[in-house]
Amino acid sequence: MGSTPVEVFEANKDFLEDPMELIKQYQFSLKGIPTTITVRLLRYFGSDKIHFTQSHYIKTPTQIDAYVTSHPYNNDADSALSQVVTGFTRFYSEAVSKGHAPSKDWLVANEYF
């Protein structure tokens, strides 16, 4: 008889840190940029907080550097997804409104994804 994930992690807690469970995964692309962006929402075992990770970051011509949040978590899945998507669309819309054409160069791959 198999063990539940919680039992597996609990039995091995002396050797493991920060176990998380994948809650949802989403994919989208930005208009004019054919690259697929993937967002994963994960929950730490024993917590309701949602951590997220993303396949790419955005760096438009109006930004000094790629936008990487210092707060990659939120209280619920909907808020976490909104946080990620808004991070992309805010900088995307700013660049387009200043006359820049969308480009695949605006996306920087997350090397840890």
C-alpha atoms as a PDB file:
ATOM      1  CA  MET A   1       0.000   0.000   0.000  1.00  0.00           C
ATOM      2  CA  GLY A   2       1.429   3.380  -1.020  1.00  0.00           C
ATOM      3  CA  SER A   3       1.950   6.410   1.115  1.00  0.00           C
ATOM      4  CA  THR A   4       0.367   9.796   0.537  1.00  0.00           C
ATOM      5  CA  PRO A   5       2.642  12.659  -0.552  1.00  0.00           C
ATOM      6  CA  VAL A   6       2.292  14.231   2.887  1.00  0.00           C
ATOM      7  CA  GLU A   7       3.386  10.956   4.511  1.00  0.00           C
ATOM      8  CA  VAL A   8       6.354  10.617   2.149  1.00  0.00           C
ATOM      9  CA  PHE A   9       7.619  14.105   2.903  1.00  0.00           C
ATOM     10  CA  GLU A  10       6.922  13.792   6.617  1.00  0.00           C
ATOM     11  CA  ALA A  11       8.841  10.491   6.783  1.00  0.00           C
ATOM     12  CA  ASN A  12      11.816  12.151   5.083  1.00  0.00           C
ATOM     13  CA  LYS A  13      11.652  15.601   6.669  1.00  0.00           C
ATOM     14  CA  ASP A  14      15.138  15.273   8.174  1.00  0.00           C
ATOM     15  CA  PHE A  15      16.578  15.198   4.651  1.00  0.00           C
ATOM     16  CA  LEU A  16      14.284  17.458   2.621  1.00  0.00           C
ATOM     17  CA  GLU A  17      13.399  21.138   2.651  1.00  0.00           C
ATOM     18  CA  ASP A  18      10.448  23.126   1.325  1.00  0.00           C
ATOM     19  CA  PRO A  19       8.380  20.430  -0.397  1.00  0.00           C
ATOM     20  CA  MET A  20       5.801  21.910  -2.754  1.00  0.00           C
ATOM     21  CA  GLU A  21       2.894  20.584  -4.758  1.00  0.00           C
ATOM     22  CA  LEU A  22       2.030  21.778  -8.272  1.00  0.00           C
ATOM     23  CA  ILE A  23      -1.433  23.326  -8.101  1.00  0.00           C
ATOM     24  CA  LYS A  24      -1.898  24.699 -11.614  1.00  0.00           C
ATOM     25  CA  GLN A  25       0.080  25.453 -14.725  1.00  0.00           C
ATOM     26  CA  TYR A  26      -0.866  28.102 -17.290  1.00  0.00           C
ATOM     27  CA  GLN A  27       0.536  29.112 -20.658  1.00  0.00           C
ATOM     28  CA  PHE A  28       0.079  32.242 -22.747  1.00  0.00           C
ATOM     29  CA  SER A  29       1.912  34.468 -25.184  1.00  0.00           C
ATOM     30  CA  LEU A  30       1.993  38.225 -25.591  1.00  0.00           C
ATOM     31  CA  LYS A  31       0.500  39.731 -28.756  1.00  0.00           C
ATOM     32  CA  GLY A  32       3.132  39.928 -31.479  1.00  0.00           C
ATOM     33  CA  ILE A  33       5.559  37.680 -29.582  1.00  0.00           C
ATOM     34  CA  PRO A  34       5.135  33.992 -30.499  1.00  0.00           C
ATOM     35  CA  THR A  35       7.049  32.626 -27.490  1.00  0.00           C
ATOM     36  CA  THR A  36       4.978  30.554 -25.058  1.00  0.00           C
ATOM     37  CA  ILE A  37       5.255  31.713 -21.447  1.00  0.00           C
ATOM     38  CA  THR A  38       4.540  29.090 -18.783  1.00  0.00           C
ATOM     39  CA  VAL A  39       3.514  29.908 -15.214  1.00  0.00           C
ATOM     40  CA  ARG A  40       3.470  27.289 -12.458  1.00  0.00           C
ATOM     41  CA  LEU A  41       1.616  27.786  -9.196  1.00  0.00           C
ATOM     42  CA  LEU A  42       2.848  25.658  -6.309  1.00  0.00           C
ATOM     43  CA  ARG A  43       1.798  25.288  -2.696  1.00  0.00           C
ATOM     44  CA  TYR A  44       4.192  24.496   0.133  1.00  0.00           C
ATOM     45  CA  PHE A  45       3.093  21.496   2.174  1.00  0.00           C
ATOM     46  CA  GLY A  46       1.577  22.688   5.433  1.00  0.00           C
ATOM     47  CA  SER A  47       0.839  26.179   4.089  1.00  0.00           C
ATOM     48  CA  ASP A  48      -1.876  27.926   2.103  1.00  0.00           C
ATOM     49  CA  LYS A  49       0.590  30.357   0.530  1.00  0.00           C
ATOM     50  CA  ILE A  50       1.041  29.997  -3.240  1.00  0.00           C
ATOM     51  CA  HIS A  51       4.524  30.237  -4.739  1.00  0.00           C
ATOM     52  CA  PHE A  52       4.923  30.833  -8.465  1.00  0.00           C
ATOM     53  CA  THR A  53       7.631  30.347 -11.015  1.00  0.00           C
ATOM     54  CA  GLN A  54       7.661  31.488 -14.627  1.00  0.00           C
ATOM     55  CA  SER A  55       9.490  30.389 -17.750  1.00  0.00           C
ATOM     56  CA  HIS A  56      10.371  33.920 -18.852  1.00  0.00           C
ATOM     57  CA  TYR A  57      10.761  37.468 -17.606  1.00  0.00           C
ATOM     58  CA  ILE A  58       9.995  40.627 -19.551  1.00  0.00           C
ATOM     59  CA  LYS A  59      12.540  43.250 -20.536  1.00  0.00           C
ATOM     60  CA  THR A  60      11.251  45.831 -22.978  1.00  0.00           C
ATOM     61  CA  PRO A  61      13.208  48.769 -24.433  1.00  0.00           C
ATOM     62  CA  THR A  62      11.668  50.989 -21.715  1.00  0.00           C
ATOM     63  CA  GLN A  63      13.143  48.916 -18.868  1.00  0.00           C
ATOM     64  CA  ILE A  64      16.665  49.025 -17.462  1.00  0.00           C
ATOM     65  CA  ASP A  65      16.619  45.298 -16.689  1.00  0.00           C
ATOM     66  CA  ALA A  66      14.274  42.323 -16.829  1.00  0.00           C
ATOM     67  CA  TYR A  67      11.427  42.450 -14.318  1.00  0.00           C
ATOM     68  CA  VAL A  68      11.950  39.743 -11.707  1.00  0.00           C
ATOM     69  CA  THR A  69       9.662  40.047  -8.712  1.00  0.00           C
ATOM     70  CA  SER A  70      11.197  39.934  -5.250  1.00  0.00           C
ATOM     71  CA  HIS A  71       7.871  38.550  -3.989  1.00  0.00           C
ATOM     72  CA  PRO A  72       7.187  35.281  -5.923  1.00  0.00           C
ATOM     73  CA  TYR A  73       4.233  34.227  -3.784  1.00  0.00           C
ATOM     74  CA  ASN A  74       0.742  35.307  -2.839  1.00  0.00           C
ATOM     75  CA  ASN A  75      -2.091  34.293  -0.520  1.00  0.00           C
ATOM     76  CA  ASP A  76      -4.143  32.423  -3.141  1.00  0.00           C
ATOM     77  CA  ALA A  77      -3.827  31.017  -6.658  1.00  0.00           C
ATOM     78  CA  ASP A  78      -5.928  33.711  -8.355  1.00  0.00           C
ATOM     79  CA  SER A  79      -3.876  36.523  -6.823  1.00  0.00           C
ATOM     80  CA  ALA A  80      -0.610  34.795  -7.692  1.00  0.00           C
ATOM     81  CA  LEU A  81      -1.627  34.344 -11.339  1.00  0.00           C
ATOM     82  CA  SER A  82      -2.818  37.945 -11.533  1.00  0.00           C
ATOM     83  CA  GLN A  83       0.501  39.118 -10.083  1.00  0.00           C
ATOM     84  CA  VAL A  84       2.491  37.272 -12.766  1.00  0.00           C
ATOM     85  CA  VAL A  85       0.314  38.253 -15.720  1.00  0.00           C
ATOM     86  CA  THR A  86       0.121  41.897 -14.634  1.00  0.00           C
ATOM     87  CA  GLY A  87       3.913  41.960 -14.370  1.00  0.00           C
ATOM     88  CA  PHE A  88       4.101  41.127 -18.061  1.00  0.00           C
ATOM     89  CA  THR A  89       1.248  43.274 -19.332  1.00  0.00           C
ATOM     90  CA  ARG A  90       2.264  46.400 -17.422  1.00  0.00           C
ATOM     91  CA  PHE A  91       5.695  46.602 -19.076  1.00  0.00           C
ATOM     92  CA  TYR A  92       4.416  45.313 -22.433  1.00  0.00           C
ATOM     93  CA  SER A  93       1.692  47.977 -22.681  1.00  0.00           C
ATOM     94  CA  GLU A  94       4.081  50.725 -21.570  1.00  0.00           C
ATOM     95  CA  ALA A  95       6.572  49.847 -24.330  1.00  0.00           C
ATOM     96  CA  VAL A  96       3.890  49.541 -27.017  1.00  0.00           C
ATOM     97  CA  SER A  97       2.331  52.875 -25.984  1.00  0.00           C
ATOM     98  CA  LYS A  98       5.767  54.490 -26.470  1.00  0.00           C
ATOM     99  CA  GLY A  99       5.921  53.231 -30.051  1.00  0.00           C
ATOM    100  CA  HIS A 100       7.988  50.058 -29.658  1.00  0.00           C
ATOM    101  CA  ALA A 101       6.971  47.036 -31.740  1.00  0.00           C
ATOM    102  CA  PRO A 102       6.683  43.775 -29.765  1.00  0.00           C
ATOM    103  CA  SER A 103       9.721  41.542 -30.186  1.00  0.00           C
ATOM    104  CA  LYS A 104      10.776  38.084 -29.035  1.00  0.00           C
ATOM    105  CA  ASP A 105      13.821  39.867 -27.603  1.00  0.00           C
ATOM    106  CA  TRP A 106      11.523  41.263 -24.911  1.00  0.00           C
ATOM    107  CA  LEU A 107      11.435  37.856 -23.232  1.00  0.00           C
ATOM    108  CA  VAL A 108      14.322  36.592 -21.139  1.00  0.00           C
ATOM    109  CA  ALA A 109      14.331  32.859 -20.348  1.00  0.00           C
ATOM    110  CA  ASN A 110      14.328  31.981 -16.654  1.00  0.00           C
ATOM    111  CA  GLU A 111      17.378  29.733 -16.362  1.00  0.00           C
ATOM    112  CA  TYR A 112      15.961  28.129 -13.192  1.00  0.00           C
ATOM    113  CA  PHE A 113      12.601  27.141 -14.698  1.00  0.00           C
END
